[in-house]
PDB file of all heavy atoms in Angstrom:
ATOM      1  N   THR A   1      15.436   6.179 -11.246  1.00  0.00           N
ATOM      2  CA  THR A   1      15.949   5.898  -9.897  1.00  0.00           C
ATOM      3  C   THR A   1      14.701   5.701  -9.042  1.00  0.00           C
ATOM      4  O   THR A   1      14.255   4.591  -8.830  1.00  0.00           O
ATOM      5  CB  THR A   1      16.838   7.041  -9.387  1.00  0.00           C
ATOM      6  OG1 THR A   1      16.158   8.298  -9.570  1.00  0.00           O
ATOM      7  CG2 THR A   1      18.157   7.080 -10.138  1.00  0.00           C
ATOM      8  N   ARG A   2      14.129   6.783  -8.582  1.00  0.00           N
ATOM      9  CA  ARG A   2      12.804   6.753  -7.964  1.00  0.00           C
ATOM     10  C   ARG A   2      11.787   7.038  -9.063  1.00  0.00           C
ATOM     11  O   ARG A   2      11.961   7.960  -9.855  1.00  0.00           O
ATOM     12  CB  ARG A   2      12.729   7.824  -6.882  1.00  0.00           C
ATOM     13  CG  ARG A   2      11.369   7.969  -6.220  1.00  0.00           C
ATOM     14  CD  ARG A   2      11.345   9.219  -5.344  1.00  0.00           C
ATOM     15  NE  ARG A   2      10.068   9.373  -4.671  1.00  0.00           N
ATOM     16  CZ  ARG A   2       8.994   9.966  -5.183  1.00  0.00           C
ATOM     17  NH1 ARG A   2       9.057  10.459  -6.424  1.00  0.00           N
ATOM     18  NH2 ARG A   2       7.873  10.063  -4.491  1.00  0.00           N
ATOM     19  N   PHE A   3      10.692   6.256  -9.121  1.00  0.00           N
ATOM     20  CA  PHE A   3       9.723   6.461 -10.193  1.00  0.00           C
ATOM     21  C   PHE A   3       8.311   6.049  -9.756  1.00  0.00           C
ATOM     22  O   PHE A   3       8.122   5.343  -8.761  1.00  0.00           O
ATOM     23  CB  PHE A   3      10.132   5.713 -11.464  1.00  0.00           C
ATOM     24  CG  PHE A   3      10.218   4.215 -11.322  1.00  0.00           C
ATOM     25  CD1 PHE A   3       9.145   3.399 -11.687  1.00  0.00           C
ATOM     26  CD2 PHE A   3      11.386   3.602 -10.854  1.00  0.00           C
ATOM     27  CE1 PHE A   3       9.225   2.017 -11.573  1.00  0.00           C
ATOM     28  CE2 PHE A   3      11.475   2.223 -10.740  1.00  0.00           C
ATOM     29  CZ  PHE A   3      10.394   1.429 -11.095  1.00  0.00           C
ATOM     30  N   ILE A   4       7.344   6.514 -10.533  1.00  0.00           N
ATOM     31  CA  ILE A   4       5.928   6.190 -10.309  1.00  0.00           C
ATOM     32  C   ILE A   4       5.541   5.062 -11.254  1.00  0.00           C
ATOM     33  O   ILE A   4       5.943   5.051 -12.426  1.00  0.00           O
ATOM     34  CB  ILE A   4       5.033   7.415 -10.582  1.00  0.00           C
ATOM     35  CG1 ILE A   4       5.495   8.614  -9.749  1.00  0.00           C
ATOM     36  CG2 ILE A   4       3.572   7.089 -10.284  1.00  0.00           C
ATOM     37  CD1 ILE A   4       5.401   8.434  -8.265  1.00  0.00           C
ATOM     38  N   ALA A   5       4.756   4.115 -10.754  1.00  0.00           N
ATOM     39  CA  ALA A   5       4.380   2.971 -11.590  1.00  0.00           C
ATOM     40  C   ALA A   5       3.010   2.438 -11.183  1.00  0.00           C
ATOM     41  O   ALA A   5       2.493   2.742 -10.101  1.00  0.00           O
ATOM     42  CB  ALA A   5       5.427   1.860 -11.483  1.00  0.00           C
ATOM     43  N   ARG A   6       2.463   1.628 -12.070  1.00  0.00           N
ATOM     44  CA  ARG A   6       1.228   0.898 -11.773  1.00  0.00           C
ATOM     45  C   ARG A   6       1.572  -0.576 -11.579  1.00  0.00           C
ATOM     46  O   ARG A   6       2.495  -1.109 -12.206  1.00  0.00           O
ATOM     47  CB  ARG A   6       0.199   1.056 -12.887  1.00  0.00           C
ATOM     48  CG  ARG A   6      -0.226   2.487 -13.104  1.00  0.00           C
ATOM     49  CD  ARG A   6      -1.467   2.597 -13.971  1.00  0.00           C
ATOM     50  NE  ARG A   6      -2.660   2.213 -13.212  1.00  0.00           N
ATOM     51  CZ  ARG A   6      -3.899   2.287 -13.689  1.00  0.00           C
ATOM     52  NH1 ARG A   6      -4.096   2.709 -14.938  1.00  0.00           N
ATOM     53  NH2 ARG A   6      -4.935   1.942 -12.962  1.00  0.00           N
ATOM     54  N   VAL A   7       0.796  -1.199 -10.730  1.00  0.00           N
ATOM     55  CA  VAL A   7       1.030  -2.603 -10.385  1.00  0.00           C
ATOM     56  C   VAL A   7       0.374  -3.517 -11.413  1.00  0.00           C
ATOM     57  O   VAL A   7      -0.749  -3.280 -11.860  1.00  0.00           O
ATOM     58  CB  VAL A   7       0.465  -2.894  -8.976  1.00  0.00           C
ATOM     59  CG1 VAL A   7       0.429  -4.383  -8.697  1.00  0.00           C
ATOM     60  CG2 VAL A   7       1.289  -2.155  -7.923  1.00  0.00           C
ATOM     61  N   ARG A   8       1.113  -4.596 -11.769  1.00  0.00           N
ATOM     62  CA  ARG A   8       0.533  -5.658 -12.608  1.00  0.00           C
ATOM     63  C   ARG A   8       1.101  -6.993 -12.144  1.00  0.00           C
ATOM     64  O   ARG A   8       2.312  -7.125 -11.948  1.00  0.00           O
ATOM     65  CB  ARG A   8       0.874  -5.444 -14.093  1.00  0.00           C
ATOM     66  CG  ARG A   8       0.212  -6.487 -14.998  1.00  0.00           C
ATOM     67  CD  ARG A   8       0.546  -6.263 -16.454  1.00  0.00           C
ATOM     68  NE  ARG A   8       1.933  -6.624 -16.763  1.00  0.00           N
ATOM     69  CZ  ARG A   8       2.482  -6.494 -17.965  1.00  0.00           C
ATOM     70  NH1 ARG A   8       1.769  -5.970 -18.963  1.00  0.00           N
ATOM     71  NH2 ARG A   8       3.732  -6.848 -18.178  1.00  0.00           N
ATOM     72  N   PHE A   9       0.238  -7.949 -11.949  1.00  0.00           N
ATOM     73  CA  PHE A   9       0.674  -9.305 -11.628  1.00  0.00           C
ATOM     74  C   PHE A   9       0.555 -10.158 -12.880  1.00  0.00           C
ATOM     75  O   PHE A   9      -0.497 -10.175 -13.530  1.00  0.00           O
ATOM     76  CB  PHE A   9      -0.180  -9.894 -10.501  1.00  0.00           C
ATOM     77  CG  PHE A   9       0.088  -9.255  -9.160  1.00  0.00           C
ATOM     78  CD1 PHE A   9      -0.699  -8.200  -8.706  1.00  0.00           C
ATOM     79  CD2 PHE A   9       1.141  -9.689  -8.370  1.00  0.00           C
ATOM     80  CE1 PHE A   9      -0.452  -7.595  -7.488  1.00  0.00           C
ATOM     81  CE2 PHE A   9       1.399  -9.096  -7.144  1.00  0.00           C
ATOM     82  CZ  PHE A   9       0.603  -8.045  -6.695  1.00  0.00           C
ATOM     83  N   ASN A  10       1.644 -10.874 -13.233  1.00  0.00           N
ATOM     84  CA  ASN A  10       1.600 -11.710 -14.438  1.00  0.00           C
ATOM     85  C   ASN A  10       0.860 -13.017 -14.148  1.00  0.00           C
ATOM     86  O   ASN A  10       0.341 -13.234 -13.046  1.00  0.00           O
ATOM     87  CB  ASN A  10       3.007 -11.957 -14.990  1.00  0.00           C
ATOM     88  CG  ASN A  10       3.888 -12.747 -14.016  1.00  0.00           C
ATOM     89  OD1 ASN A  10       3.398 -13.386 -13.079  1.00  0.00           O
ATOM     90  ND2 ASN A  10       5.191 -12.721 -14.255  1.00  0.00           N
ATOM     91  N   LYS A  11       0.834 -13.906 -15.128  1.00  0.00           N
ATOM     92  CA  LYS A  11       0.064 -15.152 -14.993  1.00  0.00           C
ATOM     93  C   LYS A  11       0.606 -16.056 -13.889  1.00  0.00           C
ATOM     94  O   LYS A  11      -0.115 -16.915 -13.373  1.00  0.00           O
ATOM     95  CB  LYS A  11       0.038 -15.898 -16.325  1.00  0.00           C
ATOM     96  CG  LYS A  11       1.421 -16.300 -16.846  1.00  0.00           C
ATOM     97  CD  LYS A  11       1.305 -16.981 -18.193  1.00  0.00           C
ATOM     98  CE  LYS A  11       2.688 -17.374 -18.719  1.00  0.00           C
ATOM     99  NZ  LYS A  11       2.599 -18.041 -20.044  1.00  0.00           N
ATOM    100  N   ASP A  12       1.883 -15.839 -13.518  1.00  0.00           N
ATOM    101  CA  ASP A  12       2.477 -16.609 -12.418  1.00  0.00           C
ATOM    102  C   ASP A  12       2.361 -15.871 -11.083  1.00  0.00           C
ATOM    103  O   ASP A  12       2.997 -16.240 -10.104  1.00  0.00           O
ATOM    104  CB  ASP A  12       3.951 -16.896 -12.716  1.00  0.00           C
ATOM    105  CG  ASP A  12       4.131 -17.747 -13.958  1.00  0.00           C
ATOM    106  OD1 ASP A  12       3.297 -18.656 -14.171  1.00  0.00           O
ATOM    107  OD2 ASP A  12       5.076 -17.483 -14.721  1.00  0.00           O
ATOM    108  N   ASN A  13       1.558 -14.802 -11.099  1.00  0.00           N
ATOM    109  CA  ASN A  13       1.331 -13.978  -9.908  1.00  0.00           C
ATOM    110  C   ASN A  13       2.610 -13.304  -9.415  1.00  0.00           C
ATOM    111  O   ASN A  13       2.765 -13.024  -8.225  1.00  0.00           O
ATOM    112  CB  ASN A  13       0.710 -14.794  -8.770  1.00  0.00           C
ATOM    113  CG  ASN A  13      -0.081 -13.913  -7.811  1.00  0.00           C
ATOM    114  OD1 ASN A  13      -0.697 -12.927  -8.228  1.00  0.00           O
ATOM    115  ND2 ASN A  13      -0.056 -14.245  -6.540  1.00  0.00           N
ATOM    116  N   LYS A  14       3.521 -13.034 -10.346  1.00  0.00           N
ATOM    117  CA  LYS A  14       4.747 -12.319 -10.020  1.00  0.00           C
ATOM    118  C   LYS A  14       4.496 -10.815 -10.214  1.00  0.00           C
ATOM    119  O   LYS A  14       3.883 -10.390 -11.202  1.00  0.00           O
ATOM    120  CB  LYS A  14       5.901 -12.762 -10.921  1.00  0.00           C
ATOM    121  CG  LYS A  14       6.272 -14.237 -10.772  1.00  0.00           C
ATOM    122  CD  LYS A  14       6.893 -14.512  -9.413  1.00  0.00           C
ATOM    123  CE  LYS A  14       7.393 -15.953  -9.344  1.00  0.00           C
ATOM    124  NZ  LYS A  14       7.996 -16.254  -8.009  1.00  0.00           N
ATOM    125  N   LEU A  15       5.003 -10.022  -9.277  1.00  0.00           N
ATOM    126  CA  LEU A  15       4.789  -8.579  -9.321  1.00  0.00           C
ATOM    127  C   LEU A  15       5.624  -7.936 -10.421  1.00  0.00           C
ATOM    128  O   LEU A  15       6.831  -8.145 -10.511  1.00  0.00           O
ATOM    129  CB  LEU A  15       5.142  -7.957  -7.972  1.00  0.00           C
ATOM    130  CG  LEU A  15       5.111  -6.423  -7.888  1.00  0.00           C
ATOM    131  CD1 LEU A  15       3.716  -5.889  -8.181  1.00  0.00           C
ATOM    132  CD2 LEU A  15       5.594  -5.962  -6.517  1.00  0.00           C
ATOM    133  N   GLN A  16       4.956  -7.124 -11.236  1.00  0.00           N
ATOM    134  CA  GLN A  16       5.629  -6.326 -12.249  1.00  0.00           C
ATOM    135  C   GLN A  16       5.135  -4.890 -12.148  1.00  0.00           C
ATOM    136  O   GLN A  16       4.019  -4.630 -11.688  1.00  0.00           O
ATOM    137  CB  GLN A  16       5.360  -6.875 -13.652  1.00  0.00           C
ATOM    138  CG  GLN A  16       5.931  -8.268 -13.883  1.00  0.00           C
ATOM    139  CD  GLN A  16       5.688  -8.734 -15.302  1.00  0.00           C
ATOM    140  OE1 GLN A  16       4.608  -8.550 -15.853  1.00  0.00           O
ATOM    141  NE2 GLN A  16       6.706  -9.343 -15.896  1.00  0.00           N
ATOM    142  N   LEU A  17       5.967  -3.979 -12.590  1.00  0.00           N
ATOM    143  CA  LEU A  17       5.613  -2.566 -12.538  1.00  0.00           C
ATOM    144  C   LEU A  17       5.593  -1.974 -13.935  1.00  0.00           C
ATOM    145  O   LEU A  17       6.504  -2.213 -14.739  1.00  0.00           O
ATOM    146  CB  LEU A  17       6.622  -1.795 -11.673  1.00  0.00           C
ATOM    147  CG  LEU A  17       6.732  -2.241 -10.210  1.00  0.00           C
ATOM    148  CD1 LEU A  17       7.785  -1.399  -9.494  1.00  0.00           C
ATOM    149  CD2 LEU A  17       5.389  -2.149  -9.500  1.00  0.00           C
ATOM    150  N   LEU A  18       4.552  -1.210 -14.217  1.00  0.00           N
ATOM    151  CA  LEU A  18       4.435  -0.482 -15.480  1.00  0.00           C
ATOM    152  C   LEU A  18       4.775   0.974 -15.189  1.00  0.00           C
ATOM    153  O   LEU A  18       4.021   1.684 -14.504  1.00  0.00           O
ATOM    154  CB  LEU A  18       3.018  -0.606 -16.039  1.00  0.00           C
ATOM    155  CG  LEU A  18       2.517  -2.038 -16.255  1.00  0.00           C
ATOM    156  CD1 LEU A  18       1.069  -2.030 -16.725  1.00  0.00           C
ATOM    157  CD2 LEU A  18       3.403  -2.768 -17.262  1.00  0.00           C
ATOM    158  N   VAL A  19       5.909   1.410 -15.689  1.00  0.00           N
ATOM    159  CA  VAL A  19       6.407   2.758 -15.400  1.00  0.00           C
ATOM    160  C   VAL A  19       5.463   3.794 -15.995  1.00  0.00           C
ATOM    161  O   VAL A  19       5.024   3.673 -17.147  1.00  0.00           O
ATOM    162  CB  VAL A  19       7.822   2.948 -15.969  1.00  0.00           C
ATOM    163  CG1 VAL A  19       8.350   4.339 -15.619  1.00  0.00           C
ATOM    164  CG2 VAL A  19       8.762   1.873 -15.434  1.00  0.00           C
ATOM    165  N   ASP A  20       5.142   4.818 -15.200  1.00  0.00           N
ATOM    166  CA  ASP A  20       4.261   5.890 -15.674  1.00  0.00           C
ATOM    167  C   ASP A  20       5.077   6.899 -16.472  1.00  0.00           C
ATOM    168  O   ASP A  20       5.408   7.987 -15.983  1.00  0.00           O
ATOM    169  CB  ASP A  20       3.566   6.556 -14.487  1.00  0.00           C
ATOM    170  CG  ASP A  20       2.512   7.560 -14.940  1.00  0.00           C
ATOM    171  OD1 ASP A  20       1.790   7.263 -15.897  1.00  0.00           O
ATOM    172  OD2 ASP A  20       2.428   8.646 -14.328  1.00  0.00           O
ATOM    173  N   HIS A  21       5.417   6.499 -17.693  1.00  0.00           N
ATOM    174  CA  HIS A  21       6.184   7.356 -18.598  1.00  0.00           C
ATOM    175  C   HIS A  21       5.786   6.969 -20.017  1.00  0.00           C
ATOM    176  O   HIS A  21       5.781   5.782 -20.368  1.00  0.00           O
ATOM    177  CB  HIS A  21       7.692   7.168 -18.396  1.00  0.00           C
ATOM    178  CG  HIS A  21       8.521   8.175 -19.107  1.00  0.00           C
ATOM    179  ND1 HIS A  21       8.688   8.178 -20.482  1.00  0.00           N
ATOM    180  CD2 HIS A  21       9.234   9.244 -18.646  1.00  0.00           C
ATOM    181  CE1 HIS A  21       9.462   9.180 -20.831  1.00  0.00           C
ATOM    182  NE2 HIS A  21       9.809   9.841 -19.737  1.00  0.00           N
ATOM    183  N   PRO A  22       5.454   7.949 -20.855  1.00  0.00           N
ATOM    184  CA  PRO A  22       4.942   7.631 -22.197  1.00  0.00           C
ATOM    185  C   PRO A  22       5.909   6.875 -23.088  1.00  0.00           C
ATOM    186  O   PRO A  22       5.487   6.196 -24.025  1.00  0.00           O
ATOM    187  CB  PRO A  22       4.608   9.013 -22.790  1.00  0.00           C
ATOM    188  CG  PRO A  22       5.408   9.988 -21.986  1.00  0.00           C
ATOM    189  CD  PRO A  22       5.493   9.398 -20.621  1.00  0.00           C
ATOM    190  N   ASN A  23       7.227   6.956 -22.822  1.00  0.00           N
ATOM    191  CA  ASN A  23       8.211   6.315 -23.692  1.00  0.00           C
ATOM    192  C   ASN A  23       8.815   5.040 -23.126  1.00  0.00           C
ATOM    193  O   ASN A  23       9.696   4.446 -23.739  1.00  0.00           O
ATOM    194  CB  ASN A  23       9.330   7.296 -24.031  1.00  0.00           C
ATOM    195  CG  ASN A  23       8.836   8.523 -24.762  1.00  0.00           C
ATOM    196  OD1 ASN A  23       8.786   9.601 -24.193  1.00  0.00           O
ATOM    197  ND2 ASN A  23       8.436   8.359 -26.008  1.00  0.00           N
ATOM    198  N   ILE A  24       8.362   4.638 -21.948  1.00  0.00           N
ATOM    199  CA  ILE A  24       8.879   3.399 -21.349  1.00  0.00           C
ATOM    200  C   ILE A  24       7.770   2.363 -21.352  1.00  0.00           C
ATOM    201  O   ILE A  24       6.797   2.468 -20.603  1.00  0.00           O
ATOM    202  CB  ILE A  24       9.397   3.650 -19.919  1.00  0.00           C
ATOM    203  CG1 ILE A  24      10.537   4.668 -19.955  1.00  0.00           C
ATOM    204  CG2 ILE A  24       9.867   2.349 -19.282  1.00  0.00           C
ATOM    205  CD1 ILE A  24      11.089   5.027 -18.589  1.00  0.00           C
ATOM    206  N   LYS A  25       7.911   1.375 -22.220  1.00  0.00           N
ATOM    207  CA  LYS A  25       6.857   0.389 -22.413  1.00  0.00           C
ATOM    208  C   LYS A  25       7.111  -0.910 -21.661  1.00  0.00           C
ATOM    209  O   LYS A  25       6.170  -1.621 -21.318  1.00  0.00           O
ATOM    210  CB  LYS A  25       6.703   0.068 -23.909  1.00  0.00           C
ATOM    211  CG  LYS A  25       6.508   1.285 -24.813  1.00  0.00           C
ATOM    212  CD  LYS A  25       5.262   2.070 -24.471  1.00  0.00           C
ATOM    213  CE  LYS A  25       5.066   3.245 -25.436  1.00  0.00           C
ATOM    214  NZ  LYS A  25       3.907   4.073 -25.048  1.00  0.00           N
ATOM    215  N   GLN A  26       8.400  -1.245 -21.419  1.00  0.00           N
ATOM    216  CA  GLN A  26       8.679  -2.541 -20.809  1.00  0.00           C
ATOM    217  C   GLN A  26       8.289  -2.559 -19.343  1.00  0.00           C
ATOM    218  O   GLN A  26       8.388  -1.552 -18.648  1.00  0.00           O
ATOM    219  CB  GLN A  26      10.160  -2.935 -20.975  1.00  0.00           C
ATOM    220  CG  GLN A  26      11.159  -2.071 -20.216  1.00  0.00           C
ATOM    221  CD  GLN A  26      11.827  -1.052 -21.102  1.00  0.00           C
ATOM    222  OE1 GLN A  26      11.144  -0.297 -21.785  1.00  0.00           O
ATOM    223  NE2 GLN A  26      13.153  -1.018 -21.086  1.00  0.00           N
ATOM    224  N   SER A  27       7.813  -3.688 -18.888  1.00  0.00           N
ATOM    225  CA  SER A  27       7.496  -3.855 -17.471  1.00  0.00           C
ATOM    226  C   SER A  27       8.759  -4.251 -16.712  1.00  0.00           C
ATOM    227  O   SER A  27       9.711  -4.784 -17.288  1.00  0.00           O
ATOM    228  CB  SER A  27       6.416  -4.917 -17.291  1.00  0.00           C
ATOM    229  OG  SER A  27       6.855  -6.163 -17.809  1.00  0.00           O
ATOM    230  N   ILE A  28       8.770  -3.974 -15.412  1.00  0.00           N
ATOM    231  CA  ILE A  28       9.936  -4.254 -14.577  1.00  0.00           C
ATOM    232  C   ILE A  28       9.520  -5.161 -13.431  1.00  0.00           C
ATOM    233  O   ILE A  28       8.559  -4.867 -12.710  1.00  0.00           O
ATOM    234  CB  ILE A  28      10.528  -2.943 -14.010  1.00  0.00           C
ATOM    235  CG1 ILE A  28      10.917  -1.995 -15.149  1.00  0.00           C
ATOM    236  CG2 ILE A  28      11.730  -3.234 -13.126  1.00  0.00           C
ATOM    237  CD1 ILE A  28      11.410  -0.644 -14.666  1.00  0.00           C
ATOM    238  N   SER A  29      10.226  -6.260 -13.283  1.00  0.00           N
ATOM    239  CA  SER A  29       9.967  -7.150 -12.146  1.00  0.00           C
ATOM    240  C   SER A  29      10.313  -6.425 -10.851  1.00  0.00           C
ATOM    241  O   SER A  29      11.218  -5.585 -10.816  1.00  0.00           O
ATOM    242  CB  SER A  29      10.795  -8.425 -12.274  1.00  0.00           C
ATOM    243  OG  SER A  29      10.418  -9.147 -13.430  1.00  0.00           O
ATOM    244  N   ALA A  30       9.594  -6.773  -9.782  1.00  0.00           N
ATOM    245  CA  ALA A  30       9.802  -6.030  -8.540  1.00  0.00           C
ATOM    246  C   ALA A  30       9.411  -6.857  -7.331  1.00  0.00           C
ATOM    247  O   ALA A  30       8.728  -7.891  -7.445  1.00  0.00           O
ATOM    248  CB  ALA A  30       8.988  -4.736  -8.569  1.00  0.00           C
ATOM    249  N   ASN A  31       9.857  -6.391  -6.160  1.00  0.00           N
ATOM    250  CA  ASN A  31       9.346  -6.897  -4.891  1.00  0.00           C
ATOM    251  C   ASN A  31       8.861  -5.706  -4.079  1.00  0.00           C
ATOM    252  O   ASN A  31       8.900  -4.559  -4.546  1.00  0.00           O
ATOM    253  CB  ASN A  31      10.393  -7.723  -4.144  1.00  0.00           C
ATOM    254  CG  ASN A  31      11.638  -6.915  -3.778  1.00  0.00           C
ATOM    255  OD1 ASN A  31      11.624  -5.679  -3.811  1.00  0.00           O
ATOM    256  ND2 ASN A  31      12.717  -7.598  -3.441  1.00  0.00           N
ATOM    257  N   VAL A  32       8.418  -5.949  -2.852  1.00  0.00           N
ATOM    258  CA  VAL A  32       7.825  -4.896  -2.029  1.00  0.00           C
ATOM    259  C   VAL A  32       8.635  -4.735  -0.754  1.00  0.00           C
ATOM    260  O   VAL A  32       8.937  -5.721  -0.064  1.00  0.00           O
ATOM    261  CB  VAL A  32       6.364  -5.222  -1.681  1.00  0.00           C
ATOM    262  CG1 VAL A  32       5.741  -4.099  -0.857  1.00  0.00           C
ATOM    263  CG2 VAL A  32       5.552  -5.454  -2.957  1.00  0.00           C
ATOM    264  N   HIS A  33       8.987  -3.499  -0.436  1.00  0.00           N
ATOM    265  CA  HIS A  33       9.701  -3.221   0.813  1.00  0.00           C
ATOM    266  C   HIS A  33       8.784  -3.532   1.990  1.00  0.00           C
ATOM    267  O   HIS A  33       7.562  -3.327   1.928  1.00  0.00           O
ATOM    268  CB  HIS A  33      10.126  -1.755   0.844  1.00  0.00           C
ATOM    269  CG  HIS A  33      11.120  -1.433   1.917  1.00  0.00           C
ATOM    270  ND1 HIS A  33      10.763  -1.282   3.241  1.00  0.00           N
ATOM    271  CD2 HIS A  33      12.467  -1.230   1.860  1.00  0.00           C
ATOM    272  CE1 HIS A  33      11.829  -0.998   3.956  1.00  0.00           C
ATOM    273  NE2 HIS A  33      12.880  -0.959   3.150  1.00  0.00           N
ATOM    274  N   LYS A  34       9.369  -3.990   3.072  1.00  0.00           N
ATOM    275  CA  LYS A  34       8.581  -4.420   4.228  1.00  0.00           C
ATOM    276  C   LYS A  34       7.791  -3.282   4.869  1.00  0.00           C
ATOM    277  O   LYS A  34       6.787  -3.522   5.555  1.00  0.00           O
ATOM    278  CB  LYS A  34       9.489  -5.075   5.261  1.00  0.00           C
ATOM    279  CG  LYS A  34      10.566  -4.154   5.819  1.00  0.00           C
ATOM    280  CD  LYS A  34      11.468  -4.896   6.810  1.00  0.00           C
ATOM    281  CE  LYS A  34      12.555  -3.987   7.370  1.00  0.00           C
ATOM    282  NZ  LYS A  34      13.445  -4.723   8.314  1.00  0.00           N
ATOM    283  N   LYS A  35       8.209  -2.024   4.636  1.00  0.00           N
ATOM    284  CA  LYS A  35       7.478  -0.903   5.230  1.00  0.00           C
ATOM    285  C   LYS A  35       6.145  -0.640   4.517  1.00  0.00           C
ATOM    286  O   LYS A  35       5.292   0.078   5.038  1.00  0.00           O
ATOM    287  CB  LYS A  35       8.331   0.359   5.214  1.00  0.00           C
ATOM    288  CG  LYS A  35       8.573   0.949   3.826  1.00  0.00           C
ATOM    289  CD  LYS A  35       9.438   2.195   3.899  1.00  0.00           C
ATOM    290  CE  LYS A  35       9.699   2.772   2.503  1.00  0.00           C
ATOM    291  NZ  LYS A  35      10.573   3.974   2.549  1.00  0.00           N
ATOM    292  N   VAL A  36       5.970  -1.207   3.317  1.00  0.00           N
ATOM    293  CA  VAL A  36       4.704  -1.063   2.586  1.00  0.00           C
ATOM    294  C   VAL A  36       3.769  -2.169   3.058  1.00  0.00           C
ATOM    295  O   VAL A  36       3.992  -3.350   2.767  1.00  0.00           O
ATOM    296  CB  VAL A  36       4.923  -1.148   1.061  1.00  0.00           C
ATOM    297  CG1 VAL A  36       3.594  -1.022   0.316  1.00  0.00           C
ATOM    298  CG2 VAL A  36       5.898  -0.064   0.608  1.00  0.00           C
ATOM    299  N   THR A  37       2.723  -1.791   3.761  1.00  0.00           N
ATOM    300  CA  THR A  37       1.845  -2.789   4.396  1.00  0.00           C
ATOM    301  C   THR A  37       0.559  -3.044   3.621  1.00  0.00           C
ATOM    302  O   THR A  37      -0.145  -4.010   3.916  1.00  0.00           O
ATOM    303  CB  THR A  37       1.479  -2.333   5.812  1.00  0.00           C
ATOM    304  OG1 THR A  37       0.846  -1.042   5.758  1.00  0.00           O
ATOM    305  CG2 THR A  37       2.741  -2.220   6.678  1.00  0.00           C
ATOM    306  N   GLU A  38       0.232  -2.183   2.642  1.00  0.00           N
ATOM    307  CA  GLU A  38      -0.998  -2.377   1.872  1.00  0.00           C
ATOM    308  C   GLU A  38      -0.886  -3.607   0.966  1.00  0.00           C
ATOM    309  O   GLU A  38       0.190  -3.924   0.455  1.00  0.00           O
ATOM    310  CB  GLU A  38      -1.317  -1.149   1.012  1.00  0.00           C
ATOM    311  CG  GLU A  38      -1.769   0.064   1.791  1.00  0.00           C
ATOM    312  CD  GLU A  38      -0.614   0.848   2.378  1.00  0.00           C
ATOM    313  OE1 GLU A  38       0.549   0.404   2.190  1.00  0.00           O
ATOM    314  OE2 GLU A  38      -0.851   1.887   3.015  1.00  0.00           O
TER     315      GLU A  38
END
């Protein structure tokens, strides 16, 4: 639901997230909420 992840941009510069969990290997496509300004 809520989770910690690392940022990765693919070759098309699309945002993907790598979940910080030893058993979850697949990346998840994502966007950014407007309140996140960094």
